[in-house]
């Protein structure tokens, strides 16, 4: 995806990743936002007795309040 990027990191078990070679680009914001959205949604699904559609909408609204333009890149409910 990133041409001529020699950036690498390695991770052992539960320890944080260690950067072994620097990247020549910023992290992919959209992919990180989607991954965090899914992670937060899964956590709430495990912890709460709320219908899935309601949890999804709640997470979407939370993100819309903070960054309205970022919501457009998040997956729709039926895509999860």
PDB file of N, CA and C in Angstrom:
ATOM      1  N   UNK A   1       0.820  -1.186   0.000  1.00  0.00           N
ATOM      2  CA  UNK A   1       0.000   0.000   0.000  1.00  0.00           C
ATOM      3  C   UNK A   1       0.872   1.261   0.000  1.00  0.00           C
ATOM      4  N   UNK A   2       1.889   1.316   0.834  1.00  0.00           N
ATOM      5  CA  UNK A   2       2.793   2.461   0.865  1.00  0.00           C
ATOM      6  C   UNK A   2       4.080   2.081   0.156  1.00  0.00           C
ATOM      7  N   UNK A   3       4.377   2.762  -0.914  1.00  0.00           N
ATOM      8  CA  UNK A   3       5.540   2.446  -1.737  1.00  0.00           C
ATOM      9  C   UNK A   3       6.811   2.916  -1.037  1.00  0.00           C
ATOM     10  N   UNK A   4       7.806   2.055  -1.045  1.00  0.00           N
ATOM     11  CA  UNK A   4       9.119   2.356  -0.484  1.00  0.00           C
ATOM     12  C   UNK A   4       9.103   2.628   1.015  1.00  0.00           C
ATOM     13  N   UNK A   5       8.175   2.062   1.744  1.00  0.00           N
ATOM     14  CA  UNK A   5       8.171   2.200   3.195  1.00  0.00           C
ATOM     15  C   UNK A   5       8.858   0.978   3.783  1.00  0.00           C
ATOM     16  N   UNK A   6       9.923   1.218   4.506  1.00  0.00           N
ATOM     17  CA  UNK A   6      10.642   0.108   5.137  1.00  0.00           C
ATOM     18  C   UNK A   6      10.305   0.014   6.617  1.00  0.00           C
ATOM     19  N   UNK A   7       9.272   0.715   7.049  1.00  0.00           N
ATOM     20  CA  UNK A   7       8.884   0.721   8.454  1.00  0.00           C
ATOM     21  C   UNK A   7       8.447  -0.654   8.929  1.00  0.00           C
ATOM     22  N   UNK A   8       8.934  -1.047  10.097  1.00  0.00           N
ATOM     23  CA  UNK A   8       8.597  -2.348  10.679  1.00  0.00           C
ATOM     24  C   UNK A   8       8.467  -2.213  12.192  1.00  0.00           C
ATOM     25  N   UNK A   9       7.657  -3.066  12.757  1.00  0.00           N
ATOM     26  CA  UNK A   9       7.527  -3.163  14.206  1.00  0.00           C
ATOM     27  C   UNK A   9       7.394  -4.633  14.544  1.00  0.00           C
ATOM     28  N   UNK A  10       7.833  -4.998  15.740  1.00  0.00           N
ATOM     29  CA  UNK A  10       7.642  -6.378  16.183  1.00  0.00           C
ATOM     30  C   UNK A  10       7.012  -6.350  17.559  1.00  0.00           C
ATOM     31  N   UNK A  11       6.272  -7.416  17.853  1.00  0.00           N
ATOM     32  CA  UNK A  11       5.560  -7.484  19.116  1.00  0.00           C
ATOM     33  C   UNK A  11       5.701  -8.881  19.679  1.00  0.00           C
ATOM     34  N   UNK A  12       6.061  -8.956  20.937  1.00  0.00           N
ATOM     35  CA  UNK A  12       6.172 -10.227  21.641  1.00  0.00           C
ATOM     36  C   UNK A  12       5.041 -10.338  22.649  1.00  0.00           C
ATOM     37  N   UNK A  13       4.240 -11.345  22.520  1.00  0.00           N
ATOM     38  CA  UNK A  13       3.099 -11.646  23.404  1.00  0.00           C
ATOM     39  C   UNK A  13       2.264 -10.407  23.690  1.00  0.00           C
ATOM     40  N   UNK A  14       2.101 -10.064  24.947  1.00  0.00           N
ATOM     41  CA  UNK A  14       1.218  -8.969  25.345  1.00  0.00           C
ATOM     42  C   UNK A  14       1.935  -7.627  25.459  1.00  0.00           C
ATOM     43  N   UNK A  15       3.219  -7.580  25.176  1.00  0.00           N
ATOM     44  CA  UNK A  15       3.966  -6.330  25.284  1.00  0.00           C
ATOM     45  C   UNK A  15       3.616  -5.398  24.122  1.00  0.00           C
ATOM     46  N   UNK A  16       3.773  -4.092  24.334  1.00  0.00           N
ATOM     47  CA  UNK A  16       3.507  -3.160  23.232  1.00  0.00           C
ATOM     48  C   UNK A  16       4.487  -3.378  22.081  1.00  0.00           C
ATOM     49  N   UNK A  17       4.091  -3.067  20.860  1.00  0.00           N
ATOM     50  CA  UNK A  17       4.992  -3.237  19.721  1.00  0.00           C
ATOM     51  C   UNK A  17       6.215  -2.324  19.827  1.00  0.00           C
ATOM     52  N   UNK A  18       7.329  -2.803  19.297  1.00  0.00           N
ATOM     53  CA  UNK A  18       8.574  -2.039  19.276  1.00  0.00           C
ATOM     54  C   UNK A  18       8.887  -1.695  17.825  1.00  0.00           C
ATOM     55  N   UNK A  19       9.093  -0.417  17.551  1.00  0.00           N
ATOM     56  CA  UNK A  19       9.415   0.040  16.206  1.00  0.00           C
ATOM     57  C   UNK A  19      10.869  -0.299  15.908  1.00  0.00           C
ATOM     58  N   UNK A  20      11.094  -1.129  14.899  1.00  0.00           N
ATOM     59  CA  UNK A  20      12.456  -1.525  14.540  1.00  0.00           C
ATOM     60  C   UNK A  20      13.001  -0.703  13.384  1.00  0.00           C
ATOM     61  N   UNK A  21      12.109  -0.102  12.609  1.00  0.00           N
ATOM     62  CA  UNK A  21      12.506   0.735  11.481  1.00  0.00           C
ATOM     63  C   UNK A  21      11.385   1.753  11.262  1.00  0.00           C
ATOM     64  N   UNK A  22      11.695   3.044  11.164  1.00  0.00           N
ATOM     65  CA  UNK A  22      10.639   4.062  11.073  1.00  0.00           C
ATOM     66  C   UNK A  22       9.875   4.022   9.744  1.00  0.00           C
ATOM     67  N   UNK A  23       8.613   4.403   9.828  1.00  0.00           N
ATOM     68  CA  UNK A  23       7.767   4.502   8.636  1.00  0.00           C
ATOM     69  C   UNK A  23       7.975   5.857   7.971  1.00  0.00           C
ATOM     70  N   UNK A  24       7.686   5.945   6.683  1.00  0.00           N
ATOM     71  CA  UNK A  24       7.808   7.216   5.967  1.00  0.00           C
ATOM     72  C   UNK A  24       6.430   7.823   5.663  1.00  0.00           C
ATOM     73  N   UNK A  25       5.417   7.449   6.453  1.00  0.00           N
ATOM     74  CA  UNK A  25       4.053   7.933   6.236  1.00  0.00           C
ATOM     75  C   UNK A  25       3.306   7.920   7.558  1.00  0.00           C
ATOM     76  N   UNK A  26       2.167   8.590   7.580  1.00  0.00           N
ATOM     77  CA  UNK A  26       1.308   8.581   8.759  1.00  0.00           C
ATOM     78  C   UNK A  26       0.515   7.281   8.803  1.00  0.00           C
ATOM     79  N   UNK A  27       0.021   6.887   9.990  1.00  0.00           N
ATOM     80  CA  UNK A  27      -0.802   5.675  10.059  1.00  0.00           C
ATOM     81  C   UNK A  27      -2.110   5.863   9.289  1.00  0.00           C
ATOM     82  N   UNK A  28      -2.700   4.767   8.808  1.00  0.00           N
ATOM     83  CA  UNK A  28      -3.959   4.866   8.055  1.00  0.00           C
ATOM     84  C   UNK A  28      -5.126   5.199   8.990  1.00  0.00           C
ATOM     85  N   UNK A  29      -5.494   6.467   9.070  1.00  0.00           N
ATOM     86  CA  UNK A  29      -6.506   6.938  10.017  1.00  0.00           C
ATOM     87  C   UNK A  29      -7.843   6.224   9.847  1.00  0.00           C
ATOM     88  N   UNK A  30      -8.296   6.082   8.615  1.00  0.00           N
ATOM     89  CA  UNK A  30      -9.601   5.463   8.373  1.00  0.00           C
ATOM     90  C   UNK A  30      -9.633   4.023   8.888  1.00  0.00           C
ATOM     91  N   UNK A  31      -8.619   3.250   8.593  1.00  0.00           N
ATOM     92  CA  UNK A  31      -8.564   1.855   9.049  1.00  0.00           C
ATOM     93  C   UNK A  31      -8.506   1.788  10.571  1.00  0.00           C
ATOM     94  N   UNK A  32      -7.753   2.691  11.186  1.00  0.00           N
ATOM     95  CA  UNK A  32      -7.665   2.712  12.645  1.00  0.00           C
ATOM     96  C   UNK A  32      -8.995   3.106  13.275  1.00  0.00           C
ATOM     97  N   UNK A  33      -9.690   4.067  12.675  1.00  0.00           N
ATOM     98  CA  UNK A  33     -10.999   4.486  13.188  1.00  0.00           C
ATOM     99  C   UNK A  33     -12.007   3.336  13.121  1.00  0.00           C
ATOM    100  N   UNK A  34     -12.009   2.609  12.026  1.00  0.00           N
ATOM    101  CA  UNK A  34     -12.928   1.478  11.866  1.00  0.00           C
ATOM    102  C   UNK A  34     -12.610   0.386  12.878  1.00  0.00           C
ATOM    103  N   UNK A  35     -11.333   0.072  13.042  1.00  0.00           N
ATOM    104  CA  UNK A  35     -10.929  -0.966  13.997  1.00  0.00           C
ATOM    105  C   UNK A  35     -11.319  -0.573  15.418  1.00  0.00           C
ATOM    106  N   UNK A  36     -11.128   0.690  15.785  1.00  0.00           N
ATOM    107  CA  UNK A  36     -11.483   1.151  17.131  1.00  0.00           C
ATOM    108  C   UNK A  36     -12.994   1.121  17.326  1.00  0.00           C
ATOM    109  N   UNK A  37     -13.749   1.512  16.307  1.00  0.00           N
ATOM    110  CA  UNK A  37     -15.211   1.477  16.376  1.00  0.00           C
ATOM    111  C   UNK A  37     -15.696   0.051  16.639  1.00  0.00           C
ATOM    112  N   UNK A  38     -15.164  -0.906  15.882  1.00  0.00           N
ATOM    113  CA  UNK A  38     -15.556  -2.308  16.051  1.00  0.00           C
ATOM    114  C   UNK A  38     -15.156  -2.831  17.423  1.00  0.00           C
ATOM    115  N   UNK A  39     -13.974  -2.459  17.883  1.00  0.00           N
ATOM    116  CA  UNK A  39     -13.500  -2.902  19.196  1.00  0.00           C
ATOM    117  C   UNK A  39     -14.412  -2.370  20.306  1.00  0.00           C
ATOM    118  N   UNK A  40     -14.747  -1.076  20.239  1.00  0.00           N
ATOM    119  CA  UNK A  40     -15.623  -0.477  21.242  1.00  0.00           C
ATOM    120  C   UNK A  40     -17.013  -1.104  21.210  1.00  0.00           C
ATOM    121  N   UNK A  41     -17.523  -1.354  20.016  1.00  0.00           N
ATOM    122  CA  UNK A  41     -18.844  -1.960  19.872  1.00  0.00           C
ATOM    123  C   UNK A  41     -18.860  -3.376  20.443  1.00  0.00           C
ATOM    124  N   UNK A  42     -17.847  -4.165  20.146  1.00  0.00           N
ATOM    125  CA  UNK A  42     -17.763  -5.534  20.677  1.00  0.00           C
ATOM    126  C   UNK A  42     -17.694  -5.536  22.195  1.00  0.00           C
ATOM    127  N   UNK A  43     -16.951  -4.585  22.747  1.00  0.00           N
ATOM    128  CA  UNK A  43     -16.845  -4.495  24.209  1.00  0.00           C
ATOM    129  C   UNK A  43     -18.216  -4.222  24.828  1.00  0.00           C
ATOM    130  N   UNK A  44     -18.948  -3.293  24.242  1.00  0.00           N
ATOM    131  CA  UNK A  44     -20.276  -2.974  24.770  1.00  0.00           C
ATOM    132  C   UNK A  44     -21.248  -4.140  24.602  1.00  0.00           C
ATOM    133  N   UNK A  45     -21.123  -4.879  23.509  1.00  0.00           N
ATOM    134  CA  UNK A  45     -21.992  -6.037  23.283  1.00  0.00           C
ATOM    135  C   UNK A  45     -21.779  -7.073  24.377  1.00  0.00           C
ATOM    136  N   UNK A  46     -20.521  -7.273  24.756  1.00  0.00           N
ATOM    137  CA  UNK A  46     -20.213  -8.248  25.820  1.00  0.00           C
ATOM    138  C   UNK A  46     -20.683  -7.775  27.191  1.00  0.00           C
ATOM    139  N   UNK A  47     -20.640  -6.471  27.423  1.00  0.00           N
ATOM    140  CA  UNK A  47     -20.898  -5.930  28.758  1.00  0.00           C
ATOM    141  C   UNK A  47     -22.349  -5.529  29.018  1.00  0.00           C
ATOM    142  N   UNK A  48     -23.115  -5.240  27.980  1.00  0.00           N
ATOM    143  CA  UNK A  48     -24.455  -4.689  28.169  1.00  0.00           C
ATOM    144  C   UNK A  48     -25.542  -5.614  27.625  1.00  0.00           C
ATOM    145  N   UNK A  49     -26.725  -5.468  28.167  1.00  0.00           N
ATOM    146  CA  UNK A  49     -27.887  -6.241  27.726  1.00  0.00           C
ATOM    147  C   UNK A  49     -28.793  -5.384  26.836  1.00  0.00           C
ATOM    148  N   UNK A  50     -28.196  -4.602  25.973  1.00  0.00           N
ATOM    149  CA  UNK A  50     -28.916  -3.677  25.100  1.00  0.00           C
ATOM    150  C   UNK A  50     -28.984  -4.270  23.693  1.00  0.00           C
ATOM    151  N   UNK A  51     -30.087  -4.059  22.967  1.00  0.00           N
ATOM    152  CA  UNK A  51     -30.169  -4.564  21.588  1.00  0.00           C
ATOM    153  C   UNK A  51     -29.006  -4.053  20.729  1.00  0.00           C
ATOM    154  N   UNK A  52     -28.564  -4.889  19.808  1.00  0.00           N
ATOM    155  CA  UNK A  52     -27.400  -4.566  18.976  1.00  0.00           C
ATOM    156  C   UNK A  52     -27.577  -3.273  18.187  1.00  0.00           C
ATOM    157  N   UNK A  53     -28.754  -3.091  17.603  1.00  0.00           N
ATOM    158  CA  UNK A  53     -28.967  -1.877  16.802  1.00  0.00           C
ATOM    159  C   UNK A  53     -28.866  -0.622  17.667  1.00  0.00           C
ATOM    160  N   UNK A  54     -29.322  -0.717  18.890  1.00  0.00           N
ATOM    161  CA  UNK A  54     -29.255   0.429  19.796  1.00  0.00           C
ATOM    162  C   UNK A  54     -27.802   0.725  20.185  1.00  0.00           C
ATOM    163  N   UNK A  55     -27.017  -0.315  20.432  1.00  0.00           N
ATOM    164  CA  UNK A  55     -25.598  -0.128  20.748  1.00  0.00           C
ATOM    165  C   UNK A  55     -24.864   0.488  19.557  1.00  0.00           C
ATOM    166  N   UNK A  56     -25.166  -0.013  18.371  1.00  0.00           N
ATOM    167  CA  UNK A  56     -24.540   0.511  17.153  1.00  0.00           C
ATOM    168  C   UNK A  56     -24.845   2.001  17.004  1.00  0.00           C
ATOM    169  N   UNK A  57     -26.100   2.362  17.121  1.00  0.00           N
ATOM    170  CA  UNK A  57     -26.492   3.772  16.982  1.00  0.00           C
ATOM    171  C   UNK A  57     -25.827   4.643  18.043  1.00  0.00           C
ATOM    172  N   UNK A  58     -25.759   4.130  19.249  1.00  0.00           N
ATOM    173  CA  UNK A  58     -25.142   4.868  20.342  1.00  0.00           C
ATOM    174  C   UNK A  58     -23.664   5.154  20.065  1.00  0.00           C
ATOM    175  N   UNK A  59     -22.941   4.149  19.581  1.00  0.00           N
ATOM    176  CA  UNK A  59     -21.521   4.335  19.244  1.00  0.00           C
ATOM    177  C   UNK A  59     -21.368   5.303  18.076  1.00  0.00           C
ATOM    178  N   UNK A  60     -22.257   5.218  17.114  1.00  0.00           N
ATOM    179  CA  UNK A  60     -22.223   6.117  15.958  1.00  0.00           C
ATOM    180  C   UNK A  60     -22.442   7.570  16.396  1.00  0.00           C
ATOM    181  N   UNK A  61     -23.424   7.774  17.249  1.00  0.00           N
ATOM    182  CA  UNK A  61     -23.721   9.123  17.749  1.00  0.00           C
ATOM    183  C   UNK A  61     -22.545   9.672  18.548  1.00  0.00           C
ATOM    184  N   UNK A  62     -21.944   8.825  19.379  1.00  0.00           N
ATOM    185  CA  UNK A  62     -20.796   9.247  20.176  1.00  0.00           C
ATOM    186  C   UNK A  62     -19.672   9.763  19.272  1.00  0.00           C
ATOM    187  N   UNK A  63     -19.429   9.052  18.196  1.00  0.00           N
ATOM    188  CA  UNK A  63     -18.370   9.469  17.275  1.00  0.00           C
ATOM    189  C   UNK A  63     -18.776  10.694  16.457  1.00  0.00           C
ATOM    190  N   UNK A  64     -20.054  10.776  16.106  1.00  0.00           N
ATOM    191  CA  UNK A  64     -20.535  11.921  15.332  1.00  0.00           C
ATOM    192  C   UNK A  64     -20.372  13.219  16.121  1.00  0.00           C
ATOM    193  N   UNK A  65     -20.625  13.163  17.405  1.00  0.00           N
ATOM    194  CA  UNK A  65     -20.492  14.350  18.252  1.00  0.00           C
ATOM    195  C   UNK A  65     -19.049  14.846  18.258  1.00  0.00           C
ATOM    196  N   UNK A  66     -18.092  13.916  18.300  1.00  0.00           N
ATOM    197  CA  UNK A  66     -16.673  14.292  18.350  1.00  0.00           C
ATOM    198  C   UNK A  66     -16.102  14.649  16.981  1.00  0.00           C
ATOM    199  N   UNK A  67     -16.426  13.872  15.950  1.00  0.00           N
ATOM    200  CA  UNK A  67     -15.884  14.074  14.597  1.00  0.00           C
ATOM    201  C   UNK A  67     -16.927  13.702  13.552  1.00  0.00           C
ATOM    202  N   UNK A  68     -17.817  14.611  13.199  1.00  0.00           N
ATOM    203  CA  UNK A  68     -18.897  14.283  12.258  1.00  0.00           C
ATOM    204  C   UNK A  68     -18.421  13.730  10.918  1.00  0.00           C
ATOM    205  N   UNK A  69     -17.301  14.243  10.400  1.00  0.00           N
ATOM    206  CA  UNK A  69     -16.840  13.788   9.088  1.00  0.00           C
ATOM    207  C   UNK A  69     -16.299  12.360   9.113  1.00  0.00           C
ATOM    208  N   UNK A  70     -15.860  11.872  10.271  1.00  0.00           N
ATOM    209  CA  UNK A  70     -15.312  10.515  10.366  1.00  0.00           C
ATOM    210  C   UNK A  70     -16.386   9.430  10.306  1.00  0.00           C
ATOM    211  N   UNK A  71     -17.621   9.772  10.619  1.00  0.00           N
ATOM    212  CA  UNK A  71     -18.699   8.783  10.669  1.00  0.00           C
ATOM    213  C   UNK A  71     -18.977   8.194   9.287  1.00  0.00           C
ATOM    214  N   UNK A  72     -18.739   8.949   8.250  1.00  0.00           N
ATOM    215  CA  UNK A  72     -19.018   8.487   6.885  1.00  0.00           C
ATOM    216  C   UNK A  72     -18.187   7.269   6.494  1.00  0.00           C
ATOM    217  N   UNK A  73     -17.037   7.077   7.120  1.00  0.00           N
ATOM    218  CA  UNK A  73     -16.166   5.952   6.763  1.00  0.00           C
ATOM    219  C   UNK A  73     -16.457   4.694   7.575  1.00  0.00           C
ATOM    220  N   UNK A  74     -17.292   4.799   8.594  1.00  0.00           N
ATOM    221  CA  UNK A  74     -17.584   3.635   9.438  1.00  0.00           C
ATOM    222  C   UNK A  74     -18.549   2.685   8.730  1.00  0.00           C
ATOM    223  N   UNK A  75     -18.467   1.388   9.044  1.00  0.00           N
ATOM    224  CA  UNK A  75     -19.348   0.417   8.388  1.00  0.00           C
ATOM    225  C   UNK A  75     -20.806   0.593   8.809  1.00  0.00           C
ATOM    226  N   UNK A  76     -21.715   0.290   7.901  1.00  0.00           N
ATOM    227  CA  UNK A  76     -23.134   0.281   8.224  1.00  0.00           C
ATOM    228  C   UNK A  76     -23.432  -0.938   9.090  1.00  0.00           C
ATOM    229  N   UNK A  77     -24.569  -0.909   9.786  1.00  0.00           N
ATOM    230  CA  UNK A  77     -24.908  -1.997  10.707  1.00  0.00           C
ATOM    231  C   UNK A  77     -24.894  -3.355  10.015  1.00  0.00           C
ATOM    232  N   UNK A  78     -25.500  -3.451   8.829  1.00  0.00           N
ATOM    233  CA  UNK A  78     -25.582  -4.745   8.136  1.00  0.00           C
ATOM    234  C   UNK A  78     -24.227  -5.206   7.584  1.00  0.00           C
ATOM    235  N   UNK A  79     -23.215  -4.335   7.591  1.00  0.00           N
ATOM    236  CA  UNK A  79     -21.886  -4.708   7.111  1.00  0.00           C
ATOM    237  C   UNK A  79     -21.015  -5.325   8.202  1.00  0.00           C
ATOM    238  N   UNK A  80     -21.492  -5.269   9.422  1.00  0.00           N
ATOM    239  CA  UNK A  80     -20.704  -5.821  10.529  1.00  0.00           C
ATOM    240  C   UNK A  80     -20.896  -7.275  10.611  1.00  0.00           C
TER     241      UNK A  80
END
